[in-house]
Amino acid sequence: MKALQVLVLILATFVLSDATATTFSATDGQGNMVRLFEQKCDGPEWLNLKRAYFRFQGKDYDACWLAIGNTVVIFDSAGDVTPLPKNVFKPDVEA
């Protein structure tokens, strides 16, 4: 089981670092969610921020994200910063 977890983490790290048009989402089962996009987000060029969408407690926020190691850091339009582990994000399935 541990080997499977390590494999999933490695795969998630590889996929999230790949510059594709794929979107990734994480949800918590209470209606809160984050969706990550590959499009650039406004911010300092050297940070290489990407666009995100964040829903928390029924409110929608425009956001940006940045991967640091095994963590995705979300910067939302309300000024909050939320770190999440990369392995909670799953590729969105296109219909």
PDB file of N, CA and C in Angstrom:
ATOM      1  N   MET A   1       0.833  -1.202   0.000  1.00  0.00           N
ATOM      2  CA  MET A   1       0.000   0.000   0.000  1.00  0.00           C
ATOM      3  C   MET A   1       0.872   1.257   0.000  1.00  0.00           C
ATOM      4  N   LYS A   2       1.946   1.255   0.780  1.00  0.00           N
ATOM      5  CA  LYS A   2       2.824   2.412   0.840  1.00  0.00           C
ATOM      6  C   LYS A   2       3.464   2.680  -0.519  1.00  0.00           C
ATOM      7  N   ALA A   3       3.837   1.600  -1.228  1.00  0.00           N
ATOM      8  CA  ALA A   3       4.419   1.771  -2.556  1.00  0.00           C
ATOM      9  C   ALA A   3       3.421   2.438  -3.502  1.00  0.00           C
ATOM     10  N   LEU A   4       2.145   2.084  -3.399  1.00  0.00           N
ATOM     11  CA  LEU A   4       1.117   2.701  -4.229  1.00  0.00           C
ATOM     12  C   LEU A   4       0.980   4.188  -3.910  1.00  0.00           C
ATOM     13  N   GLN A   5       1.021   4.549  -2.642  1.00  0.00           N
ATOM     14  CA  GLN A   5       0.926   5.954  -2.244  1.00  0.00           C
ATOM     15  C   GLN A   5       2.110   6.744  -2.800  1.00  0.00           C
ATOM     16  N   VAL A   6       3.295   6.164  -2.721  1.00  0.00           N
ATOM     17  CA  VAL A   6       4.486   6.836  -3.244  1.00  0.00           C
ATOM     18  C   VAL A   6       4.358   7.007  -4.755  1.00  0.00           C
ATOM     19  N   LEU A   7       3.875   5.963  -5.451  1.00  0.00           N
ATOM     20  CA  LEU A   7       3.690   6.042  -6.893  1.00  0.00           C
ATOM     21  C   LEU A   7       2.692   7.132  -7.264  1.00  0.00           C
ATOM     22  N   VAL A   8       1.584   7.217  -6.529  1.00  0.00           N
ATOM     23  CA  VAL A   8       0.573   8.251  -6.798  1.00  0.00           C
ATOM     24  C   VAL A   8       1.169   9.642  -6.568  1.00  0.00           C
ATOM     25  N   LEU A   9       1.934   9.806  -5.511  1.00  0.00           N
ATOM     26  CA  LEU A   9       2.560  11.101  -5.225  1.00  0.00           C
ATOM     27  C   LEU A   9       3.540  11.478  -6.323  1.00  0.00           C
ATOM     28  N   ILE A  10       4.345  10.531  -6.771  1.00  0.00           N
ATOM     29  CA  ILE A  10       5.307  10.817  -7.841  1.00  0.00           C
ATOM     30  C   ILE A  10       4.570  11.181  -9.122  1.00  0.00           C
ATOM     31  N   LEU A  11       3.530  10.426  -9.447  1.00  0.00           N
ATOM     32  CA  LEU A  11       2.751  10.710 -10.644  1.00  0.00           C
ATOM     33  C   LEU A  11       2.095  12.081 -10.555  1.00  0.00           C
ATOM     34  N   ALA A  12       1.517  12.405  -9.411  1.00  0.00           N
ATOM     35  CA  ALA A  12       0.868  13.713  -9.241  1.00  0.00           C
ATOM     36  C   ALA A  12       1.888  14.832  -9.383  1.00  0.00           C
ATOM     37  N   THR A  13       3.067  14.646  -8.827  1.00  0.00           N
ATOM     38  CA  THR A  13       4.122  15.654  -8.937  1.00  0.00           C
ATOM     39  C   THR A  13       4.522  15.839 -10.393  1.00  0.00           C
ATOM     40  N   PHE A  14       4.672  14.741 -11.121  1.00  0.00           N
ATOM     41  CA  PHE A  14       5.032  14.811 -12.534  1.00  0.00           C
ATOM     42  C   PHE A  14       3.944  15.499 -13.340  1.00  0.00           C
ATOM     43  N   VAL A  15       2.714  15.109 -13.119  1.00  0.00           N
ATOM     44  CA  VAL A  15       1.604  15.659 -13.893  1.00  0.00           C
ATOM     45  C   VAL A  15       1.419  17.137 -13.604  1.00  0.00           C
ATOM     46  N   LEU A  16       1.501  17.539 -12.349  1.00  0.00           N
ATOM     47  CA  LEU A  16       1.314  18.949 -12.015  1.00  0.00           C
ATOM     48  C   LEU A  16       2.449  19.816 -12.524  1.00  0.00           C
ATOM     49  N   SER A  17       3.621  19.238 -12.703  1.00  0.00           N
ATOM     50  CA  SER A  17       4.738  20.039 -13.189  1.00  0.00           C
ATOM     51  C   SER A  17       4.758  20.107 -14.709  1.00  0.00           C
ATOM     52  N   ASP A  18       3.980  19.283 -15.383  1.00  0.00           N
ATOM     53  CA  ASP A  18       3.913  19.269 -16.837  1.00  0.00           C
ATOM     54  C   ASP A  18       3.090  20.458 -17.312  1.00  0.00           C
ATOM     55  N   ALA A  19       3.601  21.185 -18.290  1.00  0.00           N
ATOM     56  CA  ALA A  19       2.911  22.377 -18.787  1.00  0.00           C
ATOM     57  C   ALA A  19       1.902  21.982 -19.858  1.00  0.00           C
ATOM     58  N   THR A  20       0.784  21.440 -19.455  1.00  0.00           N
ATOM     59  CA  THR A  20      -0.283  21.075 -20.378  1.00  0.00           C
ATOM     60  C   THR A  20      -1.489  21.936 -20.068  1.00  0.00           C
ATOM     61  N   ALA A  21      -2.517  21.804 -20.893  1.00  0.00           N
ATOM     62  CA  ALA A  21      -3.740  22.570 -20.678  1.00  0.00           C
ATOM     63  C   ALA A  21      -4.686  21.861 -19.715  1.00  0.00           C
ATOM     64  N   THR A  22      -4.264  20.793 -19.114  1.00  0.00           N
ATOM     65  CA  THR A  22      -5.097  20.045 -18.186  1.00  0.00           C
ATOM     66  C   THR A  22      -5.377  20.880 -16.940  1.00  0.00           C
ATOM     67  N   THR A  23      -6.592  20.759 -16.421  1.00  0.00           N
ATOM     68  CA  THR A  23      -6.913  21.398 -15.149  1.00  0.00           C
ATOM     69  C   THR A  23      -6.957  20.321 -14.066  1.00  0.00           C
ATOM     70  N   PHE A  24      -6.713  20.743 -12.838  1.00  0.00           N
ATOM     71  CA  PHE A  24      -6.715  19.851 -11.690  1.00  0.00           C
ATOM     72  C   PHE A  24      -7.625  20.447 -10.632  1.00  0.00           C
ATOM     73  N   SER A  25      -8.305  19.587  -9.880  1.00  0.00           N
ATOM     74  CA  SER A  25      -9.210  20.059  -8.831  1.00  0.00           C
ATOM     75  C   SER A  25      -9.003  19.288  -7.543  1.00  0.00           C
ATOM     76  N   ALA A  26      -9.337  19.959  -6.449  1.00  0.00           N
ATOM     77  CA  ALA A  26      -9.366  19.336  -5.130  1.00  0.00           C
ATOM     78  C   ALA A  26     -10.652  19.785  -4.458  1.00  0.00           C
ATOM     79  N   THR A  27     -11.359  18.849  -3.830  1.00  0.00           N
ATOM     80  CA  THR A  27     -12.574  19.175  -3.093  1.00  0.00           C
ATOM     81  C   THR A  27     -12.484  18.549  -1.709  1.00  0.00           C
ATOM     82  N   ASP A  28     -13.259  19.094  -0.774  1.00  0.00           N
ATOM     83  CA  ASP A  28     -13.208  18.569   0.594  1.00  0.00           C
ATOM     84  C   ASP A  28     -14.504  17.884   1.030  1.00  0.00           C
ATOM     85  N   GLY A  29     -15.477  17.732   0.134  1.00  0.00           N
ATOM     86  CA  GLY A  29     -16.721  17.064   0.486  1.00  0.00           C
ATOM     87  C   GLY A  29     -17.726  17.967   1.178  1.00  0.00           C
ATOM     88  N   GLN A  30     -17.355  19.214   1.455  1.00  0.00           N
ATOM     89  CA  GLN A  30     -18.263  20.168   2.093  1.00  0.00           C
ATOM     90  C   GLN A  30     -18.602  21.318   1.150  1.00  0.00           C
ATOM     91  N   GLY A  31     -18.336  21.118  -0.145  1.00  0.00           N
ATOM     92  CA  GLY A  31     -18.627  22.145  -1.131  1.00  0.00           C
ATOM     93  C   GLY A  31     -17.478  23.088  -1.411  1.00  0.00           C
ATOM     94  N   ASN A  32     -16.401  22.974  -0.665  1.00  0.00           N
ATOM     95  CA  ASN A  32     -15.221  23.803  -0.908  1.00  0.00           C
ATOM     96  C   ASN A  32     -14.378  23.129  -1.987  1.00  0.00           C
ATOM     97  N   MET A  33     -13.801  23.936  -2.885  1.00  0.00           N
ATOM     98  CA  MET A  33     -12.996  23.353  -3.946  1.00  0.00           C
ATOM     99  C   MET A  33     -11.998  24.352  -4.498  1.00  0.00           C
ATOM    100  N   VAL A  34     -10.958  23.802  -5.103  1.00  0.00           N
ATOM    101  CA  VAL A  34      -9.946  24.595  -5.796  1.00  0.00           C
ATOM    102  C   VAL A  34      -9.747  23.963  -7.160  1.00  0.00           C
ATOM    103  N   ARG A  35      -9.711  24.771  -8.198  1.00  0.00           N
ATOM    104  CA  ARG A  35      -9.391  24.289  -9.540  1.00  0.00           C
ATOM    105  C   ARG A  35      -8.159  25.050 -10.027  1.00  0.00           C
ATOM    106  N   LEU A  36      -7.175  24.307 -10.506  1.00  0.00           N
ATOM    107  CA  LEU A  36      -5.919  24.879 -10.995  1.00  0.00           C
ATOM    108  C   LEU A  36      -5.893  24.860 -12.513  1.00  0.00           C
ATOM    109  N   PHE A  37      -5.484  25.972 -13.111  1.00  0.00           N
ATOM    110  CA  PHE A  37      -5.356  26.103 -14.555  1.00  0.00           C
ATOM    111  C   PHE A  37      -3.899  26.401 -14.901  1.00  0.00           C
ATOM    112  N   GLU A  38      -3.525  26.185 -16.144  1.00  0.00           N
ATOM    113  CA  GLU A  38      -2.153  26.462 -16.585  1.00  0.00           C
ATOM    114  C   GLU A  38      -1.969  27.881 -17.106  1.00  0.00           C
ATOM    115  N   GLN A  39      -3.054  28.636 -17.299  1.00  0.00           N
ATOM    116  CA  GLN A  39      -2.932  29.995 -17.800  1.00  0.00           C
ATOM    117  C   GLN A  39      -2.238  30.879 -16.770  1.00  0.00           C
ATOM    118  N   LYS A  40      -1.497  31.869 -17.277  1.00  0.00           N
ATOM    119  CA  LYS A  40      -0.812  32.813 -16.396  1.00  0.00           C
ATOM    120  C   LYS A  40      -1.813  33.608 -15.567  1.00  0.00           C
ATOM    121  N   CYS A  41      -1.368  33.984 -14.388  1.00  0.00           N
ATOM    122  CA  CYS A  41      -2.160  34.809 -13.480  1.00  0.00           C
ATOM    123  C   CYS A  41      -1.417  36.122 -13.280  1.00  0.00           C
ATOM    124  N   ASP A  42      -2.150  37.196 -13.011  1.00  0.00           N
ATOM    125  CA  ASP A  42      -1.499  38.477 -12.755  1.00  0.00           C
ATOM    126  C   ASP A  42      -0.631  38.370 -11.508  1.00  0.00           C
ATOM    127  N   GLY A  43       0.524  38.967 -11.579  1.00  0.00           N
ATOM    128  CA  GLY A  43       1.440  38.948 -10.444  1.00  0.00           C
ATOM    129  C   GLY A  43       2.854  39.146 -10.942  1.00  0.00           C
ATOM    130  N   PRO A  44       3.787  39.178 -10.015  1.00  0.00           N
ATOM    131  CA  PRO A  44       5.188  39.352 -10.426  1.00  0.00           C
ATOM    132  C   PRO A  44       5.614  38.232 -11.385  1.00  0.00           C
ATOM    133  N   GLU A  45       6.206  38.615 -12.504  1.00  0.00           N
ATOM    134  CA  GLU A  45       6.602  37.653 -13.540  1.00  0.00           C
ATOM    135  C   GLU A  45       7.509  36.557 -12.985  1.00  0.00           C
ATOM    136  N   TRP A  46       8.400  36.901 -12.076  1.00  0.00           N
ATOM    137  CA  TRP A  46       9.374  35.931 -11.555  1.00  0.00           C
ATOM    138  C   TRP A  46       8.723  34.842 -10.710  1.00  0.00           C
ATOM    139  N   LEU A  47       7.484  35.080 -10.226  1.00  0.00           N
ATOM    140  CA  LEU A  47       6.796  34.049  -9.442  1.00  0.00           C
ATOM    141  C   LEU A  47       6.147  32.985 -10.330  1.00  0.00           C
ATOM    142  N   ASN A  48       5.913  33.320 -11.609  1.00  0.00           N
ATOM    143  CA  ASN A  48       5.290  32.384 -12.544  1.00  0.00           C
ATOM    144  C   ASN A  48       3.962  31.840 -12.001  1.00  0.00           C
ATOM    145  N   LEU A  49       3.118  32.741 -11.509  1.00  0.00           N
ATOM    146  CA  LEU A  49       1.817  32.352 -10.961  1.00  0.00           C
ATOM    147  C   LEU A  49       0.884  31.881 -12.065  1.00  0.00           C
ATOM    148  N   LYS A  50       0.056  30.890 -11.742  1.00  0.00           N
ATOM    149  CA  LYS A  50      -0.948  30.361 -12.661  1.00  0.00           C
ATOM    150  C   LYS A  50      -2.330  30.674 -12.108  1.00  0.00           C
ATOM    151  N   ARG A  51      -3.323  30.666 -12.995  1.00  0.00           N
ATOM    152  CA  ARG A  51      -4.703  31.008 -12.624  1.00  0.00           C
ATOM    153  C   ARG A  51      -5.358  29.866 -11.844  1.00  0.00           C
ATOM    154  N   ALA A  52      -6.196  30.230 -10.887  1.00  0.00           N
ATOM    155  CA  ALA A  52      -6.956  29.251 -10.105  1.00  0.00           C
ATOM    156  C   ALA A  52      -8.350  29.808  -9.821  1.00  0.00           C
ATOM    157  N   TYR A  53      -9.235  28.915  -9.452  1.00  0.00           N
ATOM    158  CA  TYR A  53     -10.587  29.260  -9.026  1.00  0.00           C
ATOM    159  C   TYR A  53     -10.758  28.601  -7.663  1.00  0.00           C
ATOM    160  N   PHE A  54     -11.309  29.337  -6.705  1.00  0.00           N
ATOM    161  CA  PHE A  54     -11.391  28.854  -5.336  1.00  0.00           C
ATOM    162  C   PHE A  54     -12.799  29.106  -4.818  1.00  0.00           C
ATOM    163  N   ARG A  55     -13.467  28.085  -4.308  1.00  0.00           N
ATOM    164  CA  ARG A  55     -14.779  28.242  -3.674  1.00  0.00           C
ATOM    165  C   ARG A  55     -14.630  27.809  -2.224  1.00  0.00           C
ATOM    166  N   PHE A  56     -14.982  28.724  -1.316  1.00  0.00           N
ATOM    167  CA  PHE A  56     -14.875  28.427   0.110  1.00  0.00           C
ATOM    168  C   PHE A  56     -16.118  28.949   0.814  1.00  0.00           C
ATOM    169  N   GLN A  57     -16.789  28.086   1.541  1.00  0.00           N
ATOM    170  CA  GLN A  57     -18.003  28.402   2.287  1.00  0.00           C
ATOM    171  C   GLN A  57     -19.028  29.133   1.416  1.00  0.00           C
ATOM    172  N   GLY A  58     -19.209  28.623   0.179  1.00  0.00           N
ATOM    173  CA  GLY A  58     -20.205  29.154  -0.731  1.00  0.00           C
ATOM    174  C   GLY A  58     -19.810  30.414  -1.476  1.00  0.00           C
ATOM    175  N   LYS A  59     -18.621  30.950  -1.234  1.00  0.00           N
ATOM    176  CA  LYS A  59     -18.167  32.158  -1.929  1.00  0.00           C
ATOM    177  C   LYS A  59     -17.110  31.768  -2.958  1.00  0.00           C
ATOM    178  N   ASP A  60     -17.204  32.403  -4.138  1.00  0.00           N
ATOM    179  CA  ASP A  60     -16.252  32.150  -5.223  1.00  0.00           C
ATOM    180  C   ASP A  60     -15.180  33.233  -5.229  1.00  0.00           C
ATOM    181  N   TYR A  61     -13.947  32.802  -5.471  1.00  0.00           N
ATOM    182  CA  TYR A  61     -12.811  33.713  -5.506  1.00  0.00           C
ATOM    183  C   TYR A  61     -11.966  33.448  -6.742  1.00  0.00           C
ATOM    184  N   ASP A  62     -11.507  34.511  -7.383  1.00  0.00           N
ATOM    185  CA  ASP A  62     -10.444  34.367  -8.359  1.00  0.00           C
ATOM    186  C   ASP A  62      -9.181  34.157  -7.549  1.00  0.00           C
ATOM    187  N   ALA A  63      -8.264  33.371  -8.072  1.00  0.00           N
ATOM    188  CA  ALA A  63      -7.064  33.070  -7.314  1.00  0.00           C
ATOM    189  C   ALA A  63      -5.910  32.781  -8.254  1.00  0.00           C
ATOM    190  N   CYS A  64      -4.738  32.681  -7.667  1.00  0.00           N
ATOM    191  CA  CYS A  64      -3.534  32.275  -8.365  1.00  0.00           C
ATOM    192  C   CYS A  64      -2.907  31.145  -7.561  1.00  0.00           C
ATOM    193  N   TRP A  65      -2.069  30.360  -8.228  1.00  0.00           N
ATOM    194  CA  TRP A  65      -1.405  29.276  -7.519  1.00  0.00           C
ATOM    195  C   TRP A  65       0.053  29.173  -7.944  1.00  0.00           C
ATOM    196  N   LEU A  66       0.814  28.553  -7.051  1.00  0.00           N
ATOM    197  CA  LEU A  66       2.243  28.363  -7.241  1.00  0.00           C
ATOM    198  C   LEU A  66       2.621  27.055  -6.573  1.00  0.00           C
ATOM    199  N   ALA A  67       3.371  26.210  -7.270  1.00  0.00           N
ATOM    200  CA  ALA A  67       3.840  24.956  -6.687  1.00  0.00           C
ATOM    201  C   ALA A  67       5.217  25.192  -6.062  1.00  0.00           C
ATOM    202  N   ILE A  68       5.353  24.767  -4.812  1.00  0.00           N
ATOM    203  CA  ILE A  68       6.629  24.840  -4.099  1.00  0.00           C
ATOM    204  C   ILE A  68       6.870  23.462  -3.494  1.00  0.00           C
ATOM    205  N   GLY A  69       7.793  22.721  -4.077  1.00  0.00           N
ATOM    206  CA  GLY A  69       8.033  21.361  -3.594  1.00  0.00           C
ATOM    207  C   GLY A  69       6.781  20.523  -3.767  1.00  0.00           C
ATOM    208  N   ASN A  70       6.335  19.902  -2.698  1.00  0.00           N
ATOM    209  CA  ASN A  70       5.125  19.066  -2.726  1.00  0.00           C
ATOM    210  C   ASN A  70       3.883  19.823  -2.283  1.00  0.00           C
ATOM    211  N   THR A  71       3.947  21.136  -2.307  1.00  0.00           N
ATOM    212  CA  THR A  71       2.845  21.973  -1.839  1.00  0.00           C
ATOM    213  C   THR A  71       2.377  22.901  -2.956  1.00  0.00           C
ATOM    214  N   VAL A  72       1.063  23.055  -3.067  1.00  0.00           N
ATOM    215  CA  VAL A  72       0.469  24.053  -3.950  1.00  0.00           C
ATOM    216  C   VAL A  72      -0.027  25.176  -3.049  1.00  0.00           C
ATOM    217  N   VAL A  73       0.438  26.390  -3.312  1.00  0.00           N
ATOM    218  CA  VAL A  73       0.036  27.548  -2.519  1.00  0.00           C
ATOM    219  C   VAL A  73      -0.973  28.352  -3.327  1.00  0.00           C
ATOM    220  N   ILE A  74      -2.154  28.568  -2.732  1.00  0.00           N
ATOM    221  CA  ILE A  74      -3.244  29.297  -3.374  1.00  0.00           C
ATOM    222  C   ILE A  74      -3.293  30.705  -2.784  1.00  0.00           C
ATOM    223  N   PHE A  75      -3.290  31.713  -3.652  1.00  0.00           N
ATOM    224  CA  PHE A  75      -3.433  33.112  -3.251  1.00  0.00           C
ATOM    225  C   PHE A  75      -4.779  33.574  -3.781  1.00  0.00           C
ATOM    226  N   ASP A  76      -5.767  33.794  -2.905  1.00  0.00           N
ATOM    227  CA  ASP A  76      -7.095  34.153  -3.417  1.00  0.00           C
ATOM    228  C   ASP A  76      -7.323  35.656  -3.402  1.00  0.00           C
ATOM    229  N   SER A  77      -8.403  36.075  -4.072  1.00  0.00           N
ATOM    230  CA  SER A  77      -8.690  37.499  -4.241  1.00  0.00           C
ATOM    231  C   SER A  77      -9.093  38.194  -2.946  1.00  0.00           C
ATOM    232  N   ALA A  78      -9.363  37.436  -1.881  1.00  0.00           N
ATOM    233  CA  ALA A  78      -9.666  38.041  -0.581  1.00  0.00           C
ATOM    234  C   ALA A  78      -8.383  38.322   0.202  1.00  0.00           C
ATOM    235  N   GLY A  79      -7.245  37.896  -0.355  1.00  0.00           N
ATOM    236  CA  GLY A  79      -5.967  38.131   0.311  1.00  0.00           C
ATOM    237  C   GLY A  79      -5.497  36.963   1.165  1.00  0.00           C
ATOM    238  N   ASP A  80      -6.241  35.866   1.161  1.00  0.00           N
ATOM    239  CA  ASP A  80      -5.850  34.697   1.949  1.00  0.00           C
ATOM    240  C   ASP A  80      -4.870  33.823   1.179  1.00  0.00           C
ATOM    241  N   VAL A  81      -3.995  33.159   1.911  1.00  0.00           N
ATOM    242  CA  VAL A  81      -3.020  32.238   1.354  1.00  0.00           C
ATOM    243  C   VAL A  81      -3.300  30.860   1.943  1.00  0.00           C
ATOM    244  N   THR A  82      -3.496  29.864   1.061  1.00  0.00           N
ATOM    245  CA  THR A  82      -3.848  28.521   1.506  1.00  0.00           C
ATOM    246  C   THR A  82      -2.885  27.505   0.905  1.00  0.00           C
ATOM    247  N   PRO A  83      -2.074  26.845   1.737  1.00  0.00           N
ATOM    248  CA  PRO A  83      -1.210  25.778   1.219  1.00  0.00           C
ATOM    249  C   PRO A  83      -1.943  24.438   1.237  1.00  0.00           C
ATOM    250  N   LEU A  84      -1.800  23.666   0.180  1.00  0.00           N
ATOM    251  CA  LEU A  84      -2.394  22.332   0.089  1.00  0.00           C
ATOM    252  C   LEU A  84      -1.358  21.368  -0.488  1.00  0.00           C
ATOM    253  N   PRO A  85      -1.361  20.116  -0.034  1.00  0.00           N
ATOM    254  CA  PRO A  85      -0.426  19.146  -0.617  1.00  0.00           C
ATOM    255  C   PRO A  85      -0.815  18.841  -2.071  1.00  0.00           C
ATOM    256  N   LYS A  86       0.196  18.684  -2.935  1.00  0.00           N
ATOM    257  CA  LYS A  86      -0.069  18.394  -4.346  1.00  0.00           C
ATOM    258  C   LYS A  86      -0.923  17.153  -4.539  1.00  0.00           C
ATOM    259  N   ASN A  87      -0.759  16.168  -3.673  1.00  0.00           N
ATOM    260  CA  ASN A  87      -1.430  14.889  -3.901  1.00  0.00           C
ATOM    261  C   ASN A  87      -2.940  14.935  -3.699  1.00  0.00           C
ATOM    262  N   VAL A  88      -3.512  16.046  -3.229  1.00  0.00           N
ATOM    263  CA  VAL A  88      -4.969  16.142  -3.111  1.00  0.00           C
ATOM    264  C   VAL A  88      -5.617  16.550  -4.431  1.00  0.00           C
ATOM    265  N   PHE A  89      -4.822  17.001  -5.395  1.00  0.00           N
ATOM    266  CA  PHE A  89      -5.356  17.438  -6.679  1.00  0.00           C
ATOM    267  C   PHE A  89      -5.416  16.280  -7.668  1.00  0.00           C
ATOM    268  N   LYS A  90      -6.558  16.184  -8.338  1.00  0.00           N
ATOM    269  CA  LYS A  90      -6.783  15.143  -9.332  1.00  0.00           C
ATOM    270  C   LYS A  90      -7.092  15.802 -10.663  1.00  0.00           C
ATOM    271  N   PRO A  91      -6.667  15.196 -11.775  1.00  0.00           N
ATOM    272  CA  PRO A  91      -6.986  15.778 -13.092  1.00  0.00           C
ATOM    273  C   PRO A  91      -8.491  15.814 -13.306  1.00  0.00           C
ATOM    274  N   ASP A  92      -8.975  16.907 -13.873  1.00  0.00           N
ATOM    275  CA  ASP A  92     -10.387  16.999 -14.224  1.00  0.00           C
ATOM    276  C   ASP A  92     -10.651  16.108 -15.428  1.00  0.00           C
ATOM    277  N   VAL A  93     -11.789  15.455 -15.425  1.00  0.00           N
ATOM    278  CA  VAL A  93     -12.174  14.591 -16.531  1.00  0.00           C
ATOM    279  C   VAL A  93     -13.056  15.392 -17.469  1.00  0.00           C
ATOM    280  N   GLU A  94     -12.662  15.477 -18.731  1.00  0.00           N
ATOM    281  CA  GLU A  94     -13.439  16.196 -19.724  1.00  0.00           C
ATOM    282  C   GLU A  94     -14.607  15.348 -20.176  1.00  0.00           C
ATOM    283  N   ALA A  95     -15.765  15.982 -20.331  1.00  0.00           N
ATOM    284  CA  ALA A  95     -16.962  15.240 -20.764  1.00  0.00           C
ATOM    285  C   ALA A  95     -16.958  15.015 -22.252  1.00  0.00           C
TER     286      ALA A  95
END
